[in-house]
Amino acid sequence: MPRTPGHPALTPFGTTVFAEMTALAQQHDAVNLGQGFPDSDGPPEMLEAACRAIHDGLNQYPPGPGMPVLREAIAEHQSRFYGLTVDPGSEVQVTVGATEAIASTILALVRPCDEVVVLEPYYDSYAATIALAGGVRRTSILRFPDFAVDEASLRAAFSERTSVVLLNSPHNPTGRVLSRADLELVAELAREHDAWVVCDEVYEHLTFDGIEHVPMATLPGMRDRTVTISSAGKTFSATGWKVGWLTGPAHAVAAVRQLKQFTTFAHSGPFQVGVATALALPTERYAELASTLQIRRDLLVDGLRSAGLDVSVPAGAYFAVADVAPLGGTDAMAFCRRMPEELGVAGVPVAAFHDDTEAARSLVRFAFCKQEDVLREAARRLTRRAPVDRP
């Protein structure tokens, strides 16, 4: 009898909570505010460019590092928005979405028993990837409702074994945008412990109320120890295209590229052309995307408050976290499993992003990257009183 298949490091993880809640939403015809995908397409120029690329015959393997037109567009984007000079040949790597960029970078930088500092709650792939690399996760908790960085807790998470700090800003699931002061604290600790900083910035253009996203790589002395990750999925509403990228020092990018060549190698040639077109759009088009989302954020937040919930108003990304205890949700995981059937709405329990599940026991993440009428309907359904938790 052959041994049981499966990687032992992944045994604790199982199926992602996003897949579970989306399946429940489909089963019960619920409004799906759980999985974070838009319900409209991105810029028409981007879609048309990808279609032209298909008809022009760009349907075979693209170069492993990514198509030159996209790598050049990424470098120009970093210069235009942040004043960063990036070599498109040696300092840019195109990936299968940001998830592959995160996984490839962590696997390239983390050795067994190295410690990786993350802010908790954290996107679920972080923990799985750190485990695959043989690393040890060390966390600092962001607490509802303001999700502020706790300096004492963050300092305590670092040690002589810290090799990487894995940051996400704007932050999923909380919507927190790390301030310059937050980033300077992380930079100080990274330099002190000679650690890499890996920054997941997929929501970089989705900030609200005039709040600025500051890339870690722009801070003094941080460009040479920072790997920056982003993607087209969030900014341009093209999550199914799975076109992501990373930028960083040439030797770090080379290490990621060496690993990637034996996994996905290359992907999505025509979509890469489309994304290059989108990245070159005028700056005001980026602002329009954020302003549209801000309207939807306010619509959802008002609806959740009308249902009697305490809500943390996000400064970025496209999720709002609410405390569902007033609806009987003292165990958010159980509540979210019942919510699609009983209330007709799906959300994601924030505890799924935590090591310390008690820190988010009654918190639920709701996505607002949906049409306005969808958000209104979700709010209407949530105003119905949910039954109290069952034993």
Protein backbone atom coordinates (compact mmCIF):
# COMPACT_ATOMS: atom_id res chain seq x y z
CA MET A 1 0.00 0.00 0.00
CA PRO A 2 1.60 3.33 -1.03
CA ARG A 3 2.08 6.00 1.58
CA THR A 4 -0.65 8.61 1.99
CA PRO A 5 -0.15 11.46 -0.50
CA GLY A 6 0.17 15.07 0.54
CA HIS A 7 2.84 17.40 1.89
CA PRO A 8 3.05 17.07 5.68
CA ALA A 9 3.60 20.82 6.10
CA LEU A 10 0.15 21.44 4.62
CA THR A 11 -1.74 18.98 6.83
CA PRO A 12 -3.09 21.69 9.19
CA PHE A 13 -4.47 23.87 6.40
CA GLY A 14 -7.12 21.93 4.48
CA THR A 15 -9.43 23.73 2.02
CA THR A 16 -9.30 27.51 2.01
CA VAL A 17 -12.13 29.33 3.78
CA PHE A 18 -12.80 31.27 0.56
CA ALA A 19 -13.65 28.12 -1.36
CA GLU A 20 -15.88 26.90 1.48
CA MET A 21 -17.88 30.12 1.79
CA THR A 22 -18.23 30.58 -1.97
CA ALA A 23 -19.57 27.03 -2.27
CA LEU A 24 -22.14 27.77 0.47
CA ALA A 25 -23.13 31.02 -1.27
CA GLN A 26 -23.72 29.14 -4.53
CA GLN A 27 -25.63 26.36 -2.78
CA HIS A 28 -28.05 28.78 -1.09
CA ASP A 29 -28.17 31.50 -3.79
CA ALA A 30 -26.71 33.96 -1.31
CA VAL A 31 -25.10 37.32 -2.02
CA ASN A 32 -21.41 36.43 -2.00
CA LEU A 33 -19.50 39.06 -0.05
CA GLY A 34 -17.00 36.43 1.07
CA GLN A 35 -14.50 35.82 -1.72
CA GLY A 36 -12.85 39.03 -2.90
CA PHE A 37 -13.52 39.20 -6.61
CA PRO A 38 -15.23 42.04 -8.51
CA ASP A 39 -18.45 41.42 -10.41
CA SER A 40 -17.51 43.70 -13.33
CA ASP A 41 -14.70 43.71 -15.88
CA GLY A 42 -11.70 45.98 -15.93
CA PRO A 43 -10.73 48.75 -18.35
CA PRO A 44 -11.89 48.08 -21.94
CA GLU A 45 -8.46 49.07 -23.32
CA MET A 46 -6.93 46.21 -21.31
CA LEU A 47 -9.49 43.67 -22.54
CA GLU A 48 -9.13 44.77 -26.15
CA ALA A 49 -5.33 44.58 -26.01
CA ALA A 50 -5.48 40.99 -24.76
CA CYS A 51 -7.93 40.05 -27.52
CA ARG A 52 -5.68 41.62 -30.16
CA ALA A 53 -2.71 39.70 -28.77
CA ILE A 54 -4.61 36.43 -29.14
CA HIS A 55 -5.61 37.22 -32.72
CA ASP A 56 -2.07 38.34 -33.48
CA GLY A 57 -0.77 34.90 -32.56
CA LEU A 58 0.88 35.54 -29.18
CA ASN A 59 -0.35 32.19 -27.90
CA GLN A 60 2.84 30.24 -27.26
CA TYR A 61 5.25 30.33 -24.31
CA PRO A 62 6.19 33.86 -23.31
CA PRO A 63 9.65 34.39 -21.79
CA GLY A 64 9.97 32.95 -18.28
CA PRO A 65 10.71 36.34 -16.67
CA GLY A 66 7.61 37.79 -18.36
CA MET A 67 6.99 39.50 -21.68
CA PRO A 68 9.34 42.46 -22.18
CA VAL A 69 6.41 44.82 -22.83
CA LEU A 70 4.97 44.02 -19.39
CA ARG A 71 8.29 44.14 -17.52
CA GLU A 72 8.95 47.55 -19.06
CA ALA A 73 5.44 48.72 -18.12
CA ILE A 74 5.98 47.57 -14.51
CA ALA A 75 9.27 49.45 -14.31
CA GLU A 76 7.61 52.58 -15.73
CA HIS A 77 4.76 52.22 -13.22
CA GLN A 78 7.18 52.10 -10.30
CA SER A 79 8.94 55.22 -11.60
CA ARG A 80 5.75 57.17 -12.37
CA PHE A 81 3.97 56.56 -9.07
CA TYR A 82 6.83 56.13 -6.59
CA GLY A 83 10.03 57.52 -8.12
CA LEU A 84 11.68 54.08 -8.01
CA THR A 85 14.19 53.17 -10.70
CA VAL A 86 13.79 49.50 -11.63
CA ASP A 87 15.69 47.56 -14.30
CA PRO A 88 13.02 45.68 -16.30
CA GLY A 89 15.54 43.03 -17.31
CA SER A 90 17.02 42.01 -13.97
CA GLU A 91 14.73 43.49 -11.29
CA VAL A 92 11.26 42.48 -12.49
CA GLN A 93 9.67 39.02 -12.52
CA VAL A 94 6.14 38.32 -13.80
CA THR A 95 4.25 35.62 -11.90
CA VAL A 96 0.98 33.68 -11.85
CA GLY A 97 -0.75 36.28 -9.73
CA ALA A 98 0.53 37.66 -6.46
CA THR A 99 0.00 34.30 -4.75
CA GLU A 100 2.78 32.71 -6.79
CA ALA A 101 4.95 35.78 -6.26
CA ILE A 102 4.55 35.44 -2.49
CA ALA A 103 5.18 31.69 -2.52
CA SER A 104 8.20 31.89 -4.81
CA THR A 105 9.76 34.72 -2.82
CA ILE A 106 9.29 33.06 0.56
CA LEU A 107 10.62 29.74 -0.76
CA ALA A 108 13.63 31.56 -2.20
CA LEU A 109 14.43 33.59 0.94
CA VAL A 110 13.45 31.38 3.89
CA ARG A 111 15.51 28.42 5.11
CA PRO A 112 14.26 25.73 7.51
CA CYS A 113 13.84 27.13 11.04
CA ASP A 114 14.11 30.74 9.88
CA GLU A 115 11.49 32.98 11.46
CA VAL A 116 9.08 35.08 9.41
CA VAL A 117 7.29 38.01 11.03
CA VAL A 118 3.74 38.72 9.84
CA LEU A 119 0.94 40.98 10.98
CA GLU A 120 -2.06 39.03 12.22
CA PRO A 121 -4.68 38.61 10.77
CA TYR A 122 -2.86 37.57 7.61
CA TYR A 123 -3.86 36.29 4.18
CA ASP A 124 -4.12 32.51 4.43
CA SER A 125 -1.49 31.67 1.81
CA TYR A 126 1.19 33.31 3.98
CA ALA A 127 1.03 30.65 6.67
CA ALA A 128 0.96 27.77 4.19
CA THR A 129 3.91 29.12 2.23
CA ILE A 130 6.00 29.74 5.34
CA ALA A 131 5.26 26.17 6.42
CA LEU A 132 6.31 24.79 3.02
CA ALA A 133 9.61 26.64 3.34
CA GLY A 134 10.17 25.11 6.78
CA GLY A 135 9.98 28.53 8.38
CA VAL A 136 8.49 29.52 11.73
CA ARG A 137 5.68 32.08 11.81
CA ARG A 138 5.91 34.90 14.36
CA THR A 139 2.98 37.30 14.54
CA SER A 140 1.96 40.70 15.88
CA ILE A 141 -1.80 41.19 16.20
CA LEU A 142 -3.78 44.09 14.74
CA ARG A 143 -6.90 44.45 16.90
CA PHE A 144 -10.42 45.58 16.04
CA PRO A 145 -11.66 48.25 15.53
CA ASP A 146 -8.67 50.43 14.50
CA PHE A 147 -6.23 47.59 13.73
CA ALA A 148 -3.29 49.75 14.79
CA VAL A 149 0.26 48.39 14.82
CA ASP A 150 1.33 47.56 18.39
CA GLU A 151 4.99 48.55 18.63
CA ALA A 152 5.76 46.43 21.69
CA SER A 153 4.15 43.36 20.15
CA LEU A 154 5.92 43.90 16.84
CA ARG A 155 9.32 44.30 18.50
CA ALA A 156 8.70 41.11 20.49
CA ALA A 157 8.04 39.17 17.28
CA PHE A 158 11.61 39.73 16.06
CA SER A 159 14.57 37.63 17.14
CA GLU A 160 18.05 36.64 16.02
CA ARG A 161 16.38 34.01 13.79
CA THR A 162 14.20 36.49 11.86
CA SER A 163 15.02 36.31 8.15
CA VAL A 164 11.93 37.88 6.55
CA VAL A 165 9.15 40.32 7.42
CA LEU A 166 6.07 39.66 5.28
CA LEU A 167 3.87 42.78 5.12
CA ASN A 168 0.55 43.49 3.42
CA SER A 169 -0.54 47.10 2.93
CA PRO A 170 -3.24 48.05 2.15
CA HIS A 171 -4.11 45.15 4.39
CA ASN A 172 -6.40 42.19 3.80
CA PRO A 173 -8.65 41.57 5.69
CA THR A 174 -8.66 44.72 7.86
CA GLY A 175 -8.33 47.50 5.28
CA ARG A 176 -5.53 49.08 7.32
CA VAL A 177 -3.04 51.18 5.32
CA LEU A 178 0.30 51.20 7.09
CA SER A 179 1.48 54.72 7.84
CA ARG A 180 4.96 56.01 7.13
CA ALA A 181 5.64 55.75 10.88
CA ASP A 182 4.53 52.07 10.85
CA LEU A 183 6.83 51.36 7.92
CA GLU A 184 9.76 53.19 9.51
CA LEU A 185 9.37 51.00 12.60
CA VAL A 186 9.41 47.84 10.47
CA ALA A 187 12.40 49.17 8.50
CA GLU A 188 14.30 49.86 11.71
CA LEU A 189 13.66 46.33 12.97
CA ALA A 190 14.50 44.75 9.61
CA ARG A 191 17.85 46.56 9.48
CA GLU A 192 18.58 45.69 13.11
CA HIS A 193 17.99 41.97 12.44
CA ASP A 194 19.37 41.98 8.87
CA ALA A 195 16.03 40.72 7.54
CA TRP A 196 14.38 40.94 4.13
CA VAL A 197 11.06 42.75 3.85
CA VAL A 198 8.54 41.20 1.44
CA CYS A 199 5.67 43.59 0.72
CA ASP A 200 2.36 42.41 -0.68
CA GLU A 201 0.99 45.61 -2.24
CA VAL A 202 -1.77 44.23 -4.47
CA TYR A 203 -4.22 46.90 -3.25
CA GLU A 204 -1.70 49.72 -3.74
CA HIS A 205 -4.07 51.90 -5.81
CA LEU A 206 -7.19 51.18 -3.77
CA THR A 207 -6.94 53.67 -0.90
CA PHE A 208 -9.63 56.07 0.29
CA ASP A 209 -10.20 59.45 1.94
CA GLY A 210 -6.94 60.84 0.58
CA ILE A 211 -4.81 58.31 2.46
CA GLU A 212 -1.49 57.62 0.75
CA HIS A 213 0.03 54.22 0.12
CA VAL A 214 3.77 54.38 0.85
CA PRO A 215 5.88 51.54 -0.61
CA MET A 216 8.51 50.20 1.77
CA ALA A 217 11.09 50.30 -1.01
CA THR A 218 10.90 54.12 -1.06
CA LEU A 219 12.16 54.45 2.52
CA PRO A 220 15.86 55.32 2.98
CA GLY A 221 18.07 52.26 2.86
CA MET A 222 15.21 49.81 2.16
CA ARG A 223 15.31 49.36 -1.61
CA ASP A 224 18.13 46.80 -1.40
CA ARG A 225 16.40 44.60 1.19
CA THR A 226 12.80 44.82 -0.08
CA VAL A 227 10.87 42.63 -2.53
CA THR A 228 7.67 44.33 -3.66
CA ILE A 229 4.73 42.28 -4.97
CA SER A 230 1.64 43.43 -6.84
CA SER A 231 -0.80 42.26 -9.51
CA ALA A 232 -3.38 43.30 -12.07
CA GLY A 233 -6.16 41.35 -10.41
CA LYS A 234 -7.21 43.90 -7.79
CA THR A 235 -6.36 47.21 -9.46
CA PHE A 236 -7.88 46.31 -12.83
CA SER A 237 -10.65 43.89 -11.78
CA ALA A 238 -9.05 40.93 -13.58
CA THR A 239 -8.60 38.36 -10.82
CA GLY A 240 -9.08 35.46 -13.26
CA TRP A 241 -6.14 36.51 -15.41
CA LYS A 242 -3.65 35.73 -12.62
CA VAL A 243 -0.99 38.17 -13.77
CA GLY A 244 1.22 39.32 -10.92
CA TRP A 245 4.77 40.53 -10.53
CA LEU A 246 7.55 41.32 -8.14
CA THR A 247 10.35 43.85 -8.16
CA GLY A 248 13.47 43.96 -6.05
CA PRO A 249 17.27 43.72 -6.04
CA ALA A 250 18.59 41.72 -8.97
CA HIS A 251 20.03 38.88 -6.85
CA ALA A 252 16.69 38.39 -5.05
CA VAL A 253 14.77 38.40 -8.33
CA ALA A 254 17.27 35.91 -9.78
CA ALA A 255 16.64 33.56 -6.85
CA VAL A 256 12.88 33.73 -7.41
CA ARG A 257 13.35 33.27 -11.16
CA GLN A 258 15.45 30.15 -10.60
CA LEU A 259 12.67 28.64 -8.50
CA LYS A 260 9.83 29.67 -10.83
CA GLN A 261 11.45 28.07 -13.89
CA PHE A 262 10.80 24.63 -12.38
CA THR A 263 7.17 25.31 -11.39
CA THR A 264 5.02 27.37 -13.75
CA PHE A 265 7.92 28.50 -16.00
CA ALA A 266 5.74 30.90 -18.05
CA HIS A 267 2.09 31.84 -18.43
CA SER A 268 -0.67 34.07 -19.83
CA GLY A 269 1.10 35.73 -22.75
CA PRO A 270 -1.89 37.61 -24.22
CA PHE A 271 -3.05 38.68 -20.77
CA GLN A 272 0.40 40.09 -20.07
CA VAL A 273 0.00 42.35 -23.10
CA GLY A 274 -3.38 43.49 -21.78
CA VAL A 275 -1.95 44.27 -18.35
CA ALA A 276 0.89 46.28 -19.92
CA THR A 277 -1.74 48.40 -21.63
CA ALA A 278 -3.64 48.89 -18.36
CA LEU A 279 -0.52 49.93 -16.43
CA ALA A 280 0.04 52.72 -18.97
CA LEU A 281 -3.43 54.24 -18.46
CA PRO A 282 -3.52 57.89 -17.33
CA THR A 283 -3.18 58.50 -13.60
CA GLU A 284 -6.74 59.84 -13.38
CA ARG A 285 -8.07 56.45 -14.45
CA TYR A 286 -6.43 54.88 -11.40
CA ALA A 287 -8.10 57.54 -9.22
CA GLU A 288 -11.49 56.73 -10.77
CA LEU A 289 -11.13 53.08 -9.76
CA ALA A 290 -10.48 54.05 -6.14
CA SER A 291 -13.27 56.64 -6.02
CA THR A 292 -15.80 54.12 -7.33
CA LEU A 293 -14.75 51.66 -4.65
CA GLN A 294 -14.98 54.32 -1.95
CA ILE A 295 -18.63 54.89 -2.84
CA ARG A 296 -19.24 51.15 -2.51
CA ARG A 297 -17.32 51.01 0.75
CA ASP A 298 -19.56 53.69 2.21
CA LEU A 299 -22.66 51.90 0.95
CA LEU A 300 -21.66 48.63 2.62
CA VAL A 301 -20.50 50.26 5.86
CA ASP A 302 -23.81 52.16 6.14
CA GLY A 303 -25.72 48.94 5.48
CA LEU A 304 -23.80 46.99 8.10
CA ARG A 305 -24.35 49.74 10.64
CA SER A 306 -28.06 49.77 9.80
CA ALA A 307 -28.08 46.07 10.69
CA GLY A 308 -26.78 47.05 14.15
CA LEU A 309 -23.15 46.04 13.65
CA ASP A 310 -19.96 47.77 14.75
CA VAL A 311 -17.80 48.27 11.67
CA SER A 312 -14.16 49.17 11.14
CA VAL A 313 -14.10 51.64 8.22
CA PRO A 314 -11.29 50.49 5.90
CA ALA A 315 -8.73 52.96 4.56
CA GLY A 316 -7.81 50.69 1.65
CA ALA A 317 -8.38 47.37 -0.16
CA TYR A 318 -12.00 46.28 -0.62
CA PHE A 319 -13.09 44.61 2.59
CA ALA A 320 -14.89 45.83 5.70
CA VAL A 321 -14.68 43.99 9.02
CA ALA A 322 -17.75 43.95 11.25
CA ASP A 323 -18.54 42.51 14.67
CA VAL A 324 -21.56 40.22 14.16
CA ALA A 325 -22.18 39.59 17.88
CA PRO A 326 -25.39 41.72 17.76
CA LEU A 327 -26.78 39.22 15.23
CA GLY A 328 -25.96 36.29 17.49
CA GLY A 329 -22.58 35.62 15.91
CA THR A 330 -20.48 35.01 18.98
CA ASP A 331 -18.67 32.29 17.00
CA ALA A 332 -18.05 33.88 13.59
CA MET A 333 -16.91 30.63 11.96
CA ALA A 334 -20.16 28.85 12.84
CA PHE A 335 -22.14 31.98 12.03
CA CYS A 336 -20.59 32.29 8.55
CA ARG A 337 -21.39 28.66 7.80
CA ARG A 338 -25.06 29.34 8.60
CA MET A 339 -25.33 32.84 7.20
CA PRO A 340 -25.77 31.94 3.49
CA GLU A 341 -28.77 29.74 4.22
CA GLU A 342 -30.36 31.76 7.01
CA LEU A 343 -29.61 35.34 5.94
CA GLY A 344 -28.83 34.92 2.25
CA VAL A 345 -25.39 36.56 2.52
CA ALA A 346 -21.89 35.06 2.61
CA GLY A 347 -18.93 36.54 4.49
CA VAL A 348 -15.61 35.21 5.75
CA PRO A 349 -14.75 34.75 9.44
CA VAL A 350 -11.69 36.82 10.30
CA ALA A 351 -10.60 34.04 12.67
CA ALA A 352 -9.57 32.10 9.55
CA PHE A 353 -6.73 34.64 9.17
CA HIS A 354 -5.56 34.27 12.78
CA ASP A 355 -3.39 32.09 14.96
CA ASP A 356 -5.13 33.60 17.98
CA THR A 357 -8.75 32.97 16.96
CA GLU A 358 -10.05 34.57 20.16
CA ALA A 359 -8.78 37.92 18.86
CA ALA A 360 -11.42 37.77 16.12
CA ARG A 361 -14.07 35.50 17.61
CA SER A 362 -17.08 37.51 16.39
CA LEU A 363 -15.52 39.34 13.42
CA VAL A 364 -16.57 38.83 9.79
CA ARG A 365 -15.01 40.22 6.62
CA PHE A 366 -17.37 41.47 3.91
CA ALA A 367 -16.18 42.38 0.39
CA PHE A 368 -17.52 45.55 -1.24
CA CYS A 369 -16.00 45.10 -4.73
CA LYS A 370 -19.52 44.47 -6.03
CA GLN A 371 -22.19 46.39 -7.93
CA GLU A 372 -24.11 48.89 -5.81
CA ASP A 373 -27.44 47.07 -6.15
CA VAL A 374 -25.76 43.87 -4.93
CA LEU A 375 -24.46 45.67 -1.83
CA ARG A 376 -27.89 47.18 -1.14
CA GLU A 377 -29.48 43.75 -1.35
CA ALA A 378 -26.90 42.30 1.01
CA ALA A 379 -27.56 45.08 3.51
CA ARG A 380 -31.31 44.51 3.26
CA ARG A 381 -30.90 40.81 3.98
CA LEU A 382 -28.57 41.44 6.91
CA THR A 383 -31.12 43.63 8.64
CA ARG A 384 -33.14 40.49 9.27
CA ARG A 385 -32.44 39.18 12.74
CA ALA A 386 -30.23 36.10 12.72
CA PRO A 387 -30.92 33.26 15.16
CA VAL A 388 -28.57 33.03 18.11
CA ASP A 389 -25.71 30.55 18.01
CA ARG A 390 -26.73 26.96 18.37
CA PRO A 391 -24.88 24.58 20.62
